[in-house]
């Protein structure tokens, strides 16, 4: 009896195996393999908003914004108030130069989760007119505490 070697393809994997393979590929920087594995997982679980979101993130990393938009729209069909998908759509629109559309998505994020950005940041009021001309207003460390990567205040 001869041993037959079969190359594993994304379609031959279970959903969970495909997700794990996609995450490993993404972490290794192999975005094309990550996209293929996420697609294989989505074929097995087409109602999974989280998989569509992860697939969209891969497509954004590859600068394939149209594909990312399609995946993010599917997330919003499944979960209309998904803050991560809305924020990602805002980022994609911004990268495409569609600033008004980006603003719509970013404002929706803030409606749903006001703490998403620190209050009083520069996007609301670019210049503090009470300061001397020529000086920029810099947010204090207390207003920056909710930025990503910074611990929440005690």
C-alpha atoms as a PDB file:
ATOM      1  CA  UNK A   1       0.000   0.000   0.000  1.00  0.00           C
ATOM      2  CA  UNK A   2       1.499   3.316  -1.109  1.00  0.00           C
ATOM      3  CA  UNK A   3       1.340   6.387   1.079  1.00  0.00           C
ATOM      4  CA  UNK A   4      -0.504   9.171  -0.687  1.00  0.00           C
ATOM      5  CA  UNK A   5       0.484  12.720   0.204  1.00  0.00           C
ATOM      6  CA  UNK A   6      -2.348  15.200  -0.102  1.00  0.00           C
ATOM      7  CA  UNK A   7      -1.686  18.905   0.012  1.00  0.00           C
ATOM      8  CA  UNK A   8      -4.153  20.578   2.318  1.00  0.00           C
ATOM      9  CA  UNK A   9      -6.261  23.263   0.681  1.00  0.00           C
ATOM     10  CA  UNK A  10      -8.355  25.848   2.514  1.00  0.00           C
ATOM     11  CA  UNK A  11     -11.533  24.084   1.352  1.00  0.00           C
ATOM     12  CA  UNK A  12     -10.395  20.793   2.968  1.00  0.00           C
ATOM     13  CA  UNK A  13     -10.156  22.430   6.379  1.00  0.00           C
ATOM     14  CA  UNK A  14     -12.930  22.719   8.923  1.00  0.00           C
ATOM     15  CA  UNK A  15     -14.187  26.204   9.723  1.00  0.00           C
ATOM     16  CA  UNK A  16     -12.138  26.380  12.926  1.00  0.00           C
ATOM     17  CA  UNK A  17      -9.020  25.063  11.198  1.00  0.00           C
ATOM     18  CA  UNK A  18      -9.430  27.627   8.424  1.00  0.00           C
ATOM     19  CA  UNK A  19      -9.785  30.434  10.983  1.00  0.00           C
ATOM     20  CA  UNK A  20      -6.683  29.290  12.854  1.00  0.00           C
ATOM     21  CA  UNK A  21      -4.743  29.003   9.577  1.00  0.00           C
ATOM     22  CA  UNK A  22      -5.912  32.488   8.570  1.00  0.00           C
ATOM     23  CA  UNK A  23      -4.807  33.954  11.882  1.00  0.00           C
ATOM     24  CA  UNK A  24      -1.415  32.234  11.660  1.00  0.00           C
ATOM     25  CA  UNK A  25      -0.952  33.474   8.092  1.00  0.00           C
ATOM     26  CA  UNK A  26      -1.970  37.012   9.090  1.00  0.00           C
ATOM     27  CA  UNK A  27       0.461  37.013  12.021  1.00  0.00           C
ATOM     28  CA  UNK A  28       3.210  35.757   9.706  1.00  0.00           C
ATOM     29  CA  UNK A  29       2.472  38.561   7.242  1.00  0.00           C
ATOM     30  CA  UNK A  30       1.088  36.274   4.527  1.00  0.00           C
ATOM     31  CA  UNK A  31      -2.005  38.314   3.787  1.00  0.00           C
ATOM     32  CA  UNK A  32      -2.970  36.438   0.630  1.00  0.00           C
ATOM     33  CA  UNK A  33      -3.049  33.108   2.489  1.00  0.00           C
ATOM     34  CA  UNK A  34      -4.959  34.746   5.345  1.00  0.00           C
ATOM     35  CA  UNK A  35      -7.581  36.036   2.899  1.00  0.00           C
ATOM     36  CA  UNK A  36      -7.947  32.599   1.275  1.00  0.00           C
ATOM     37  CA  UNK A  37      -8.378  30.887   4.640  1.00  0.00           C
ATOM     38  CA  UNK A  38     -10.915  33.458   5.828  1.00  0.00           C
ATOM     39  CA  UNK A  39     -12.859  32.945   2.591  1.00  0.00           C
ATOM     40  CA  UNK A  40     -12.817  29.189   3.182  1.00  0.00           C
ATOM     41  CA  UNK A  41     -14.124  29.727   6.717  1.00  0.00           C
ATOM     42  CA  UNK A  42     -16.827  32.068   5.408  1.00  0.00           C
ATOM     43  CA  UNK A  43     -17.977  29.445   2.913  1.00  0.00           C
ATOM     44  CA  UNK A  44     -18.637  27.170   5.876  1.00  0.00           C
ATOM     45  CA  UNK A  45     -20.117  29.903   8.089  1.00  0.00           C
ATOM     46  CA  UNK A  46     -21.597  32.647   5.863  1.00  0.00           C
ATOM     47  CA  UNK A  47     -23.566  34.287   8.689  1.00  0.00           C
ATOM     48  CA  UNK A  48     -20.527  34.962  10.888  1.00  0.00           C
ATOM     49  CA  UNK A  49     -20.071  38.717  11.147  1.00  0.00           C
ATOM     50  CA  UNK A  50     -16.777  38.383  13.025  1.00  0.00           C
ATOM     51  CA  UNK A  51     -15.238  36.382  10.164  1.00  0.00           C
ATOM     52  CA  UNK A  52     -16.371  39.022   7.665  1.00  0.00           C
ATOM     53  CA  UNK A  53     -14.805  41.704   9.862  1.00  0.00           C
ATOM     54  CA  UNK A  54     -11.490  39.833  10.071  1.00  0.00           C
ATOM     55  CA  UNK A  55     -11.552  39.238   6.310  1.00  0.00           C
ATOM     56  CA  UNK A  56     -12.163  42.969   5.769  1.00  0.00           C
ATOM     57  CA  UNK A  57      -9.181  43.835   7.971  1.00  0.00           C
ATOM     58  CA  UNK A  58      -6.983  41.606   5.805  1.00  0.00           C
ATOM     59  CA  UNK A  59      -8.288  43.305   2.666  1.00  0.00           C
ATOM     60  CA  UNK A  60      -7.592  46.759   4.145  1.00  0.00           C
ATOM     61  CA  UNK A  61      -4.038  45.644   4.925  1.00  0.00           C
ATOM     62  CA  UNK A  62      -3.712  44.618   1.262  1.00  0.00           C
ATOM     63  CA  UNK A  63      -5.073  48.003   0.119  1.00  0.00           C
ATOM     64  CA  UNK A  64      -8.022  46.193  -1.475  1.00  0.00           C
ATOM     65  CA  UNK A  65     -10.555  48.683  -0.242  1.00  0.00           C
ATOM     66  CA  UNK A  66     -13.480  47.714  -2.481  1.00  0.00           C
ATOM     67  CA  UNK A  67     -13.329  44.116  -1.229  1.00  0.00           C
ATOM     68  CA  UNK A  68     -13.061  45.415   2.319  1.00  0.00           C
ATOM     69  CA  UNK A  69     -16.152  47.593   1.828  1.00  0.00           C
ATOM     70  CA  UNK A  70     -18.169  44.600   0.582  1.00  0.00           C
ATOM     71  CA  UNK A  71     -17.159  42.532   3.613  1.00  0.00           C
ATOM     72  CA  UNK A  72     -17.875  45.415   6.014  1.00  0.00           C
ATOM     73  CA  UNK A  73     -21.293  45.964   4.464  1.00  0.00           C
ATOM     74  CA  UNK A  74     -22.035  42.299   5.134  1.00  0.00           C
ATOM     75  CA  UNK A  75     -21.000  42.774   8.772  1.00  0.00           C
ATOM     76  CA  UNK A  76     -23.474  45.641   9.039  1.00  0.00           C
ATOM     77  CA  UNK A  77     -26.218  43.537   7.464  1.00  0.00           C
ATOM     78  CA  UNK A  78     -25.663  40.958  10.191  1.00  0.00           C
ATOM     79  CA  UNK A  79     -24.960  43.447  13.013  1.00  0.00           C
ATOM     80  CA  UNK A  80     -26.191  46.953  12.089  1.00  0.00           C
ATOM     81  CA  UNK A  81     -24.597  48.690  15.065  1.00  0.00           C
ATOM     82  CA  UNK A  82     -21.191  46.981  14.937  1.00  0.00           C
ATOM     83  CA  UNK A  83     -18.852  49.768  16.041  1.00  0.00           C
ATOM     84  CA  UNK A  84     -15.730  48.047  14.705  1.00  0.00           C
ATOM     85  CA  UNK A  85     -17.252  47.669  11.227  1.00  0.00           C
ATOM     86  CA  UNK A  86     -18.497  51.273  11.225  1.00  0.00           C
ATOM     87  CA  UNK A  87     -15.085  52.518  12.308  1.00  0.00           C
ATOM     88  CA  UNK A  88     -13.344  50.361   9.690  1.00  0.00           C
ATOM     89  CA  UNK A  89     -15.674  51.742   7.000  1.00  0.00           C
ATOM     90  CA  UNK A  90     -14.755  55.234   8.132  1.00  0.00           C
ATOM     91  CA  UNK A  91     -11.067  54.387   7.807  1.00  0.00           C
ATOM     92  CA  UNK A  92     -11.576  52.883   4.342  1.00  0.00           C
ATOM     93  CA  UNK A  93     -13.583  55.892   3.159  1.00  0.00           C
ATOM     94  CA  UNK A  94     -10.883  58.189   4.512  1.00  0.00           C
ATOM     95  CA  UNK A  95      -8.153  56.220   2.706  1.00  0.00           C
ATOM     96  CA  UNK A  96     -10.152  56.472  -0.512  1.00  0.00           C
ATOM     97  CA  UNK A  97     -10.378  60.254  -0.053  1.00  0.00           C
ATOM     98  CA  UNK A  98     -14.121  60.183   0.598  1.00  0.00           C
ATOM     99  CA  UNK A  99     -13.933  62.402   3.644  1.00  0.00           C
ATOM    100  CA  UNK A 100     -17.625  63.298   3.956  1.00  0.00           C
ATOM    101  CA  UNK A 101     -18.571  59.600   3.892  1.00  0.00           C
ATOM    102  CA  UNK A 102     -15.838  58.809   6.413  1.00  0.00           C
ATOM    103  CA  UNK A 103     -17.193  61.478   8.726  1.00  0.00           C
ATOM    104  CA  UNK A 104     -20.668  59.911   8.596  1.00  0.00           C
ATOM    105  CA  UNK A 105     -19.294  56.576   9.772  1.00  0.00           C
ATOM    106  CA  UNK A 106     -17.087  58.129  12.451  1.00  0.00           C
ATOM    107  CA  UNK A 107     -20.020  60.167  13.799  1.00  0.00           C
ATOM    108  CA  UNK A 108     -22.159  57.005  13.952  1.00  0.00           C
ATOM    109  CA  UNK A 109     -19.407  55.316  15.956  1.00  0.00           C
ATOM    110  CA  UNK A 110     -19.461  58.194  18.418  1.00  0.00           C
ATOM    111  CA  UNK A 111     -23.268  58.062  18.672  1.00  0.00           C
ATOM    112  CA  UNK A 112     -23.097  54.399  19.600  1.00  0.00           C
ATOM    113  CA  UNK A 113     -20.003  54.614  21.778  1.00  0.00           C
ATOM    114  CA  UNK A 114     -19.198  58.167  22.877  1.00  0.00           C
ATOM    115  CA  UNK A 115     -16.134  57.001  24.777  1.00  0.00           C
ATOM    116  CA  UNK A 116     -14.573  55.677  21.555  1.00  0.00           C
ATOM    117  CA  UNK A 117     -12.553  58.898  21.260  1.00  0.00           C
ATOM    118  CA  UNK A 118     -11.406  61.072  24.116  1.00  0.00           C
ATOM    119  CA  UNK A 119     -13.786  63.980  24.717  1.00  0.00           C
ATOM    120  CA  UNK A 120     -12.663  67.381  23.503  1.00  0.00           C
ATOM    121  CA  UNK A 121     -10.111  66.086  20.991  1.00  0.00           C
ATOM    122  CA  UNK A 122      -8.825  68.140  18.119  1.00  0.00           C
ATOM    123  CA  UNK A 123     -11.295  66.808  15.537  1.00  0.00           C
ATOM    124  CA  UNK A 124     -14.125  68.617  17.337  1.00  0.00           C
ATOM    125  CA  UNK A 125     -12.314  71.905  17.759  1.00  0.00           C
ATOM    126  CA  UNK A 126      -9.054  72.121  15.818  1.00  0.00           C
ATOM    127  CA  UNK A 127      -7.924  75.315  17.508  1.00  0.00           C
ATOM    128  CA  UNK A 128      -8.432  76.568  20.999  1.00  0.00           C
ATOM    129  CA  UNK A 129      -9.102  80.248  20.344  1.00  0.00           C
ATOM    130  CA  UNK A 130      -8.517  81.193  23.965  1.00  0.00           C
ATOM    131  CA  UNK A 131      -4.823  80.409  23.551  1.00  0.00           C
ATOM    132  CA  UNK A 132      -2.305  82.763  21.997  1.00  0.00           C
ATOM    133  CA  UNK A 133      -2.127  82.745  18.200  1.00  0.00           C
ATOM    134  CA  UNK A 134       0.476  80.383  16.850  1.00  0.00           C
ATOM    135  CA  UNK A 135       0.266  77.907  19.723  1.00  0.00           C
ATOM    136  CA  UNK A 136      -1.445  74.626  19.100  1.00  0.00           C
ATOM    137  CA  UNK A 137      -3.736  73.108  21.650  1.00  0.00           C
ATOM    138  CA  UNK A 138      -2.355  69.767  22.773  1.00  0.00           C
ATOM    139  CA  UNK A 139      -4.636  67.340  24.608  1.00  0.00           C
ATOM    140  CA  UNK A 140      -3.527  66.692  28.149  1.00  0.00           C
ATOM    141  CA  UNK A 141      -2.666  63.183  29.282  1.00  0.00           C
ATOM    142  CA  UNK A 142      -6.006  62.975  31.072  1.00  0.00           C
ATOM    143  CA  UNK A 143      -7.956  63.513  27.836  1.00  0.00           C
ATOM    144  CA  UNK A 144      -5.787  60.962  26.015  1.00  0.00           C
ATOM    145  CA  UNK A 145      -6.303  58.194  28.553  1.00  0.00           C
ATOM    146  CA  UNK A 146      -8.934  56.398  26.466  1.00  0.00           C
ATOM    147  CA  UNK A 147      -6.872  56.304  23.289  1.00  0.00           C
ATOM    148  CA  UNK A 148      -6.042  52.784  22.074  1.00  0.00           C
ATOM    149  CA  UNK A 149      -3.015  51.322  23.766  1.00  0.00           C
ATOM    150  CA  UNK A 150      -3.362  53.471  26.866  1.00  0.00           C
ATOM    151  CA  UNK A 151      -4.727  52.073  30.089  1.00  0.00           C
ATOM    152  CA  UNK A 152      -8.041  53.309  31.386  1.00  0.00           C
ATOM    153  CA  UNK A 153      -7.771  55.731  34.288  1.00  0.00           C
ATOM    154  CA  UNK A 154      -8.294  54.262  37.760  1.00  0.00           C
END
